[in-house]
């Protein structure tokens, strides 16, 4: 009987692990990067591109305030559901370069989260991220802000 209960417990544990829901931080490794930041690693600079492939709609910043705002906006994004929609010529990406020499990036396919070029996810609470990146693209390209 004890053996049967042990097997049942192991099966239940395996099923709960397999059924664990992915989140925006877990899919993007934002959670792992946050753990590095919690241990004292810092973000030295951030590169962002709208990823059009035919324009220079991008920026790099080393400004601590801008970096903090970008990190906060990205951290507020939530994962909704997997979508089967893909587009071809708009691939935003943000890359955080860390003081330990590593980097962390998140890729998008339009406004969907892209994971490995194979899966796209609808996201929520992303308005602040897109507004901030658009404003910083304008700032660093010398365009007047609205």
N, C-alpha and C. Protein backbone atom coordinates (compact mmCIF):
# COMPACT_ATOMS: atom_id res chain seq x y z
N UNK A 1 0.82 -1.20 0.00
CA UNK A 1 0.00 0.00 0.00
C UNK A 1 0.87 1.26 0.00
N UNK A 2 1.94 1.25 0.81
CA UNK A 2 2.82 2.40 0.86
C UNK A 2 3.47 2.65 -0.50
N UNK A 3 3.82 1.55 -1.18
CA UNK A 3 4.43 1.67 -2.49
C UNK A 3 3.45 2.31 -3.47
N UNK A 4 2.20 1.89 -3.42
CA UNK A 4 1.17 2.42 -4.29
C UNK A 4 0.95 3.91 -4.03
N UNK A 5 0.92 4.31 -2.77
CA UNK A 5 0.77 5.72 -2.42
C UNK A 5 1.97 6.54 -2.89
N UNK A 6 3.15 5.98 -2.76
CA UNK A 6 4.36 6.67 -3.22
C UNK A 6 4.32 6.88 -4.72
N UNK A 7 3.91 5.87 -5.45
CA UNK A 7 3.81 5.99 -6.91
C UNK A 7 2.77 7.04 -7.28
N UNK A 8 1.65 7.03 -6.59
CA UNK A 8 0.59 8.01 -6.86
C UNK A 8 1.09 9.43 -6.58
N UNK A 9 1.82 9.60 -5.49
CA UNK A 9 2.36 10.92 -5.15
C UNK A 9 3.33 11.40 -6.22
N UNK A 10 4.20 10.52 -6.69
CA UNK A 10 5.17 10.89 -7.73
C UNK A 10 4.44 11.26 -9.02
N UNK A 11 3.43 10.49 -9.39
CA UNK A 11 2.65 10.80 -10.59
C UNK A 11 1.96 12.15 -10.49
N UNK A 12 1.40 12.45 -9.32
CA UNK A 12 0.73 13.74 -9.12
C UNK A 12 1.72 14.88 -9.21
N UNK A 13 2.91 14.71 -8.66
CA UNK A 13 3.95 15.73 -8.73
C UNK A 13 4.36 15.95 -10.17
N UNK A 14 4.57 14.89 -10.92
CA UNK A 14 4.95 15.01 -12.33
C UNK A 14 3.88 15.72 -13.13
N UNK A 15 2.61 15.41 -12.87
CA UNK A 15 1.52 16.05 -13.59
C UNK A 15 1.43 17.53 -13.24
N UNK A 16 1.70 17.89 -11.99
CA UNK A 16 1.63 19.31 -11.62
C UNK A 16 2.78 20.08 -12.25
N UNK A 17 3.95 19.47 -12.34
CA UNK A 17 5.08 20.13 -12.98
C UNK A 17 4.81 20.29 -14.47
N UNK A 18 4.33 19.24 -15.12
CA UNK A 18 4.04 19.29 -16.55
C UNK A 18 2.94 20.29 -16.86
N UNK A 19 2.00 20.46 -15.94
CA UNK A 19 0.88 21.36 -16.17
C UNK A 19 1.14 22.78 -15.70
N UNK A 20 2.33 23.05 -15.21
CA UNK A 20 2.64 24.39 -14.71
C UNK A 20 2.50 25.40 -15.83
N UNK A 21 1.78 26.47 -15.56
CA UNK A 21 1.57 27.48 -16.57
C UNK A 21 2.81 28.32 -16.76
N UNK A 22 3.10 28.59 -18.03
CA UNK A 22 4.19 29.50 -18.35
C UNK A 22 3.70 30.92 -18.08
N UNK A 23 4.64 31.78 -17.75
CA UNK A 23 4.34 33.19 -17.53
C UNK A 23 5.27 34.01 -18.42
N UNK A 24 5.00 35.29 -18.55
CA UNK A 24 5.89 36.14 -19.33
C UNK A 24 7.32 36.08 -18.77
N UNK A 25 7.50 36.22 -17.45
CA UNK A 25 8.87 36.13 -16.91
C UNK A 25 9.54 34.78 -17.14
N UNK A 26 8.80 33.69 -17.04
CA UNK A 26 9.45 32.38 -17.21
C UNK A 26 9.79 32.10 -18.67
N UNK A 27 8.90 32.47 -19.59
CA UNK A 27 9.16 32.24 -21.01
C UNK A 27 10.31 33.09 -21.54
N UNK A 28 10.42 34.30 -21.05
CA UNK A 28 11.43 35.22 -21.56
C UNK A 28 12.74 35.18 -20.77
N UNK A 29 12.75 34.48 -19.65
CA UNK A 29 13.89 34.42 -18.73
C UNK A 29 14.05 35.74 -17.96
N UNK A 30 13.00 36.55 -17.97
CA UNK A 30 12.98 37.77 -17.17
C UNK A 30 13.18 37.44 -15.70
N UNK A 31 12.61 36.31 -15.25
CA UNK A 31 12.75 35.91 -13.85
C UNK A 31 14.21 35.60 -13.50
N UNK A 32 14.93 34.94 -14.40
CA UNK A 32 16.34 34.64 -14.16
C UNK A 32 17.19 35.91 -14.15
N UNK A 33 16.87 36.83 -15.04
CA UNK A 33 17.61 38.09 -15.09
C UNK A 33 17.32 38.91 -13.84
N UNK A 34 16.07 38.91 -13.38
CA UNK A 34 15.74 39.62 -12.15
C UNK A 34 16.52 39.05 -10.97
N UNK A 35 16.72 37.74 -10.95
CA UNK A 35 17.51 37.12 -9.88
C UNK A 35 18.96 37.63 -9.92
N UNK A 36 19.51 37.81 -11.10
CA UNK A 36 20.86 38.39 -11.22
C UNK A 36 20.88 39.82 -10.68
N UNK A 37 19.87 40.59 -11.05
CA UNK A 37 19.79 41.97 -10.58
C UNK A 37 19.66 42.01 -9.05
N UNK A 38 18.90 41.08 -8.51
CA UNK A 38 18.73 41.02 -7.06
C UNK A 38 20.04 40.69 -6.35
N UNK A 39 20.95 40.03 -7.05
CA UNK A 39 22.24 39.69 -6.47
C UNK A 39 23.30 40.76 -6.72
N UNK A 40 22.92 41.88 -7.33
CA UNK A 40 23.85 42.99 -7.48
C UNK A 40 24.35 43.25 -8.89
N UNK A 41 24.04 42.39 -9.84
CA UNK A 41 24.39 42.67 -11.23
C UNK A 41 23.55 43.87 -11.66
N UNK A 42 24.10 44.70 -12.52
CA UNK A 42 23.38 45.89 -12.97
C UNK A 42 23.21 45.84 -14.49
N UNK A 43 22.30 46.66 -14.99
CA UNK A 43 22.11 46.82 -16.42
C UNK A 43 22.95 48.01 -16.86
N UNK A 44 23.91 47.76 -17.75
CA UNK A 44 24.80 48.82 -18.23
C UNK A 44 24.20 49.62 -19.37
N UNK A 45 23.54 48.93 -20.29
CA UNK A 45 22.93 49.62 -21.42
C UNK A 45 21.82 48.76 -22.00
N UNK A 46 20.98 49.42 -22.79
CA UNK A 46 19.86 48.75 -23.43
C UNK A 46 19.86 49.13 -24.91
N UNK A 47 19.65 48.14 -25.75
CA UNK A 47 19.46 48.35 -27.18
C UNK A 47 18.04 47.92 -27.52
N UNK A 48 17.35 48.73 -28.30
CA UNK A 48 16.01 48.39 -28.77
C UNK A 48 15.95 48.65 -30.26
N UNK A 49 15.28 47.78 -30.97
CA UNK A 49 15.00 48.00 -32.39
C UNK A 49 13.56 47.61 -32.68
N UNK A 50 12.93 48.36 -33.57
CA UNK A 50 11.61 47.97 -34.04
C UNK A 50 11.72 46.80 -35.01
N UNK A 51 12.93 46.52 -35.48
CA UNK A 51 13.19 45.34 -36.28
C UNK A 51 12.50 45.31 -37.62
N UNK A 52 12.33 46.46 -38.22
CA UNK A 52 11.68 46.49 -39.52
C UNK A 52 12.56 45.89 -40.61
N UNK A 53 13.87 45.92 -40.43
CA UNK A 53 14.78 45.36 -41.42
C UNK A 53 15.11 46.34 -42.53
N UNK A 54 14.35 47.39 -42.65
CA UNK A 54 14.63 48.36 -43.71
C UNK A 54 14.68 49.79 -43.17
N UNK A 55 14.79 49.93 -41.87
CA UNK A 55 14.87 51.27 -41.29
C UNK A 55 15.78 51.23 -40.08
N UNK A 56 16.07 52.39 -39.55
CA UNK A 56 16.90 52.47 -38.34
C UNK A 56 16.05 52.92 -37.16
N UNK A 57 14.89 52.35 -37.04
CA UNK A 57 13.97 52.66 -35.95
C UNK A 57 14.45 51.93 -34.70
N UNK A 58 15.46 52.53 -34.04
CA UNK A 58 16.10 51.87 -32.90
C UNK A 58 16.80 52.90 -32.03
N UNK A 59 17.27 52.44 -30.87
CA UNK A 59 18.07 53.31 -30.00
C UNK A 59 18.90 52.44 -29.07
N UNK A 60 19.94 53.06 -28.51
CA UNK A 60 20.74 52.49 -27.43
C UNK A 60 20.78 53.54 -26.34
N UNK A 61 20.60 53.11 -25.10
CA UNK A 61 20.67 54.04 -23.98
C UNK A 61 21.52 53.47 -22.85
N UNK A 62 22.25 54.37 -22.22
CA UNK A 62 22.97 54.04 -21.00
C UNK A 62 22.45 54.87 -19.83
N UNK A 63 21.38 55.62 -20.08
CA UNK A 63 20.78 56.47 -19.07
C UNK A 63 20.07 55.61 -18.02
N UNK A 64 20.47 55.74 -16.77
CA UNK A 64 19.93 54.90 -15.70
C UNK A 64 18.42 55.03 -15.54
N UNK A 65 17.90 56.24 -15.70
CA UNK A 65 16.47 56.46 -15.56
C UNK A 65 15.71 55.77 -16.68
N UNK A 66 16.19 55.92 -17.91
CA UNK A 66 15.54 55.26 -19.04
C UNK A 66 15.60 53.74 -18.91
N UNK A 67 16.75 53.24 -18.47
CA UNK A 67 16.90 51.79 -18.28
C UNK A 67 15.90 51.29 -17.23
N UNK A 68 15.78 52.02 -16.13
CA UNK A 68 14.84 51.61 -15.08
C UNK A 68 13.40 51.63 -15.59
N UNK A 69 13.06 52.65 -16.37
CA UNK A 69 11.71 52.73 -16.92
C UNK A 69 11.43 51.59 -17.90
N UNK A 70 12.42 51.27 -18.74
CA UNK A 70 12.26 50.16 -19.68
C UNK A 70 12.10 48.83 -18.95
N UNK A 71 12.92 48.63 -17.92
CA UNK A 71 12.84 47.38 -17.15
C UNK A 71 11.47 47.25 -16.48
N UNK A 72 11.01 48.33 -15.90
CA UNK A 72 9.71 48.33 -15.21
C UNK A 72 8.58 48.06 -16.21
N UNK A 73 8.62 48.73 -17.36
CA UNK A 73 7.56 48.54 -18.36
C UNK A 73 7.54 47.10 -18.87
N UNK A 74 8.72 46.54 -19.11
CA UNK A 74 8.80 45.15 -19.57
C UNK A 74 8.31 44.20 -18.49
N UNK A 75 8.63 44.51 -17.25
CA UNK A 75 8.24 43.65 -16.13
C UNK A 75 6.73 43.63 -15.89
N UNK A 76 6.03 44.63 -16.38
CA UNK A 76 4.57 44.71 -16.19
C UNK A 76 3.79 43.89 -17.22
N UNK A 77 4.46 43.44 -18.28
CA UNK A 77 3.77 42.70 -19.34
C UNK A 77 3.33 41.34 -18.82
N UNK A 78 2.15 40.94 -19.23
CA UNK A 78 1.61 39.64 -18.85
C UNK A 78 1.40 38.77 -20.09
N UNK A 79 1.44 37.49 -19.88
CA UNK A 79 1.23 36.52 -20.96
C UNK A 79 -0.24 36.16 -21.02
N UNK A 80 -0.82 36.18 -22.21
CA UNK A 80 -2.21 35.78 -22.38
C UNK A 80 -2.24 34.37 -22.94
N UNK A 81 -2.51 34.22 -24.25
CA UNK A 81 -2.59 32.88 -24.81
C UNK A 81 -1.69 32.76 -26.04
N UNK A 82 -1.38 31.53 -26.39
CA UNK A 82 -0.62 31.28 -27.60
C UNK A 82 -1.50 31.62 -28.80
N UNK A 83 -0.90 32.25 -29.80
CA UNK A 83 -1.64 32.60 -31.02
C UNK A 83 -0.94 31.97 -32.22
N UNK A 84 -1.68 31.72 -33.25
CA UNK A 84 -1.11 31.13 -34.46
C UNK A 84 -0.84 32.15 -35.53
N UNK A 85 -0.71 33.41 -35.13
CA UNK A 85 -0.52 34.49 -36.08
C UNK A 85 0.95 34.90 -36.14
N UNK A 86 1.46 35.04 -37.35
CA UNK A 86 2.83 35.49 -37.58
C UNK A 86 2.78 36.53 -38.69
N UNK A 87 3.68 37.52 -38.61
CA UNK A 87 3.77 38.48 -39.72
C UNK A 87 5.19 38.44 -40.25
N UNK A 88 5.44 39.17 -41.27
CA UNK A 88 6.79 39.12 -41.88
C UNK A 88 7.53 40.43 -41.87
N UNK A 89 7.84 41.21 -41.31
CA UNK A 89 8.71 42.35 -41.46
C UNK A 89 8.65 43.31 -40.29
N UNK A 90 8.20 42.85 -39.17
CA UNK A 90 8.18 43.73 -38.00
C UNK A 90 8.50 42.88 -36.78
N UNK A 91 9.76 42.96 -36.35
CA UNK A 91 10.25 42.11 -35.27
C UNK A 91 10.95 42.92 -34.18
N UNK A 92 10.20 43.62 -33.34
CA UNK A 92 10.83 44.38 -32.27
C UNK A 92 11.66 43.48 -31.35
N UNK A 93 12.73 44.04 -30.83
CA UNK A 93 13.58 43.30 -29.90
C UNK A 93 14.22 44.29 -28.93
N UNK A 94 14.32 43.88 -27.68
CA UNK A 94 15.01 44.68 -26.68
C UNK A 94 16.09 43.81 -26.04
N UNK A 95 17.27 44.41 -25.88
CA UNK A 95 18.41 43.68 -25.33
C UNK A 95 18.98 44.47 -24.16
N UNK A 96 19.09 43.83 -23.01
CA UNK A 96 19.68 44.42 -21.82
C UNK A 96 21.08 43.84 -21.66
N UNK A 97 22.09 44.70 -21.63
CA UNK A 97 23.48 44.28 -21.45
C UNK A 97 23.84 44.45 -19.98
N UNK A 98 24.25 43.37 -19.33
CA UNK A 98 24.47 43.36 -17.89
C UNK A 98 25.94 43.53 -17.54
N UNK A 99 26.17 43.99 -16.30
CA UNK A 99 27.53 44.27 -15.84
C UNK A 99 28.40 43.03 -15.70
N UNK A 100 27.79 41.83 -15.68
CA UNK A 100 28.57 40.60 -15.59
C UNK A 100 28.99 40.09 -16.98
N UNK A 101 28.69 40.87 -18.02
CA UNK A 101 29.05 40.49 -19.38
C UNK A 101 27.97 39.72 -20.12
N UNK A 102 26.92 39.35 -19.44
CA UNK A 102 25.83 38.63 -20.09
C UNK A 102 24.82 39.62 -20.68
N UNK A 103 23.88 39.10 -21.42
CA UNK A 103 22.80 39.94 -21.93
C UNK A 103 21.49 39.16 -21.86
N UNK A 104 20.41 39.90 -21.90
CA UNK A 104 19.06 39.36 -21.80
C UNK A 104 18.24 40.04 -22.89
N UNK A 105 17.54 39.28 -23.69
CA UNK A 105 16.72 39.91 -24.72
C UNK A 105 15.33 39.30 -24.80
N UNK A 106 14.42 40.10 -25.30
CA UNK A 106 13.05 39.66 -25.54
C UNK A 106 12.73 40.04 -26.98
N UNK A 107 12.18 39.08 -27.72
CA UNK A 107 11.83 39.28 -29.12
C UNK A 107 10.32 39.26 -29.29
N UNK A 108 9.88 40.05 -30.23
CA UNK A 108 8.45 40.14 -30.53
C UNK A 108 8.24 39.92 -32.02
N UNK A 109 7.05 39.52 -32.37
CA UNK A 109 6.58 39.46 -33.75
C UNK A 109 5.40 40.41 -33.76
N UNK A 110 5.61 41.61 -34.27
CA UNK A 110 4.66 42.71 -34.09
C UNK A 110 4.50 42.91 -32.57
N UNK A 111 3.28 42.89 -32.07
CA UNK A 111 3.09 43.06 -30.63
C UNK A 111 2.80 41.74 -29.92
N UNK A 112 3.20 40.64 -30.52
CA UNK A 112 3.11 39.34 -29.86
C UNK A 112 4.49 38.96 -29.36
N UNK A 113 4.55 38.29 -28.25
CA UNK A 113 5.80 37.74 -27.75
C UNK A 113 6.20 36.58 -28.66
N UNK A 114 7.45 36.58 -29.10
CA UNK A 114 7.94 35.50 -29.96
C UNK A 114 8.94 34.66 -29.17
N UNK A 115 8.73 33.36 -29.14
CA UNK A 115 9.63 32.46 -28.45
C UNK A 115 10.24 31.50 -29.46
N UNK A 116 11.54 31.64 -29.66
CA UNK A 116 12.28 30.73 -30.52
C UNK A 116 11.87 30.74 -31.98
N UNK A 117 11.19 31.75 -32.43
CA UNK A 117 10.75 31.81 -33.81
C UNK A 117 9.67 30.78 -34.14
N UNK A 118 9.20 30.08 -33.12
CA UNK A 118 8.25 28.99 -33.35
C UNK A 118 6.87 29.24 -32.74
N UNK A 119 6.82 30.03 -31.67
CA UNK A 119 5.56 30.27 -30.98
C UNK A 119 5.39 31.76 -30.74
N UNK A 120 4.18 32.23 -30.90
CA UNK A 120 3.82 33.59 -30.57
C UNK A 120 2.73 33.58 -29.51
N UNK A 121 2.79 34.55 -28.63
CA UNK A 121 1.81 34.68 -27.56
C UNK A 121 1.24 36.08 -27.53
N UNK A 122 -0.06 36.18 -27.35
CA UNK A 122 -0.68 37.46 -27.09
C UNK A 122 -0.22 37.92 -25.70
N UNK A 123 -0.02 39.21 -25.56
CA UNK A 123 0.43 39.75 -24.28
C UNK A 123 -0.52 40.85 -23.83
N UNK A 124 -0.49 41.13 -22.55
CA UNK A 124 -1.32 42.18 -21.99
C UNK A 124 -0.48 43.14 -21.16
N UNK A 125 -1.10 44.24 -20.80
CA UNK A 125 -0.44 45.26 -19.98
C UNK A 125 0.87 45.72 -20.61
N UNK A 126 0.88 45.82 -21.93
CA UNK A 126 2.10 46.17 -22.67
C UNK A 126 2.10 47.60 -23.22
N UNK A 127 1.04 48.33 -22.96
CA UNK A 127 0.92 49.68 -23.53
C UNK A 127 2.07 50.60 -23.12
N UNK A 128 2.45 50.55 -21.84
CA UNK A 128 3.53 51.43 -21.37
C UNK A 128 4.85 51.08 -22.05
N UNK A 129 5.10 49.80 -22.28
CA UNK A 129 6.34 49.38 -22.96
C UNK A 129 6.40 49.95 -24.37
N UNK A 130 5.32 49.78 -25.14
CA UNK A 130 5.32 50.25 -26.53
C UNK A 130 5.37 51.78 -26.59
N UNK A 131 4.68 52.45 -25.70
CA UNK A 131 4.72 53.92 -25.68
C UNK A 131 6.12 54.43 -25.34
N UNK A 132 6.76 53.80 -24.37
CA UNK A 132 8.10 54.22 -23.96
C UNK A 132 9.12 53.96 -25.06
N UNK A 133 9.09 52.78 -25.67
CA UNK A 133 10.06 52.50 -26.73
C UNK A 133 9.84 53.44 -27.92
N UNK A 134 8.60 53.74 -28.25
CA UNK A 134 8.32 54.68 -29.35
C UNK A 134 8.87 56.07 -29.04
N UNK A 135 8.68 56.52 -27.80
CA UNK A 135 9.19 57.83 -27.40
C UNK A 135 10.71 57.87 -27.44
N UNK A 136 11.36 56.80 -27.00
CA UNK A 136 12.82 56.77 -27.00
C UNK A 136 13.39 56.65 -28.41
N UNK A 137 12.71 55.94 -29.29
CA UNK A 137 13.14 55.91 -30.70
C UNK A 137 13.12 57.33 -31.25
N UNK A 138 12.04 58.05 -31.01
CA UNK A 138 11.94 59.43 -31.49
C UNK A 138 13.03 60.31 -30.88
N UNK A 139 13.25 60.17 -29.58
CA UNK A 139 14.26 60.98 -28.90
C UNK A 139 15.64 60.75 -29.51
N UNK A 140 16.03 59.52 -29.67
CA UNK A 140 17.37 59.22 -30.13
C UNK A 140 17.57 59.40 -31.63
N UNK A 141 16.48 59.54 -32.37
CA UNK A 141 16.59 59.86 -33.78
C UNK A 141 16.44 61.35 -34.00
N UNK A 142 16.32 62.11 -32.92
CA UNK A 142 16.23 63.57 -33.03
C UNK A 142 14.89 64.06 -33.52
N UNK A 143 13.86 63.23 -33.44
CA UNK A 143 12.53 63.64 -33.89
C UNK A 143 11.83 64.36 -32.74
N UNK A 144 11.05 65.38 -33.06
CA UNK A 144 10.31 66.04 -31.98
C UNK A 144 9.27 65.10 -31.39
N UNK A 145 9.08 65.17 -30.08
CA UNK A 145 8.07 64.34 -29.42
C UNK A 145 6.74 65.07 -29.48
N UNK A 146 5.69 64.30 -29.40
CA UNK A 146 4.34 64.89 -29.49
C UNK A 146 3.85 65.30 -28.14
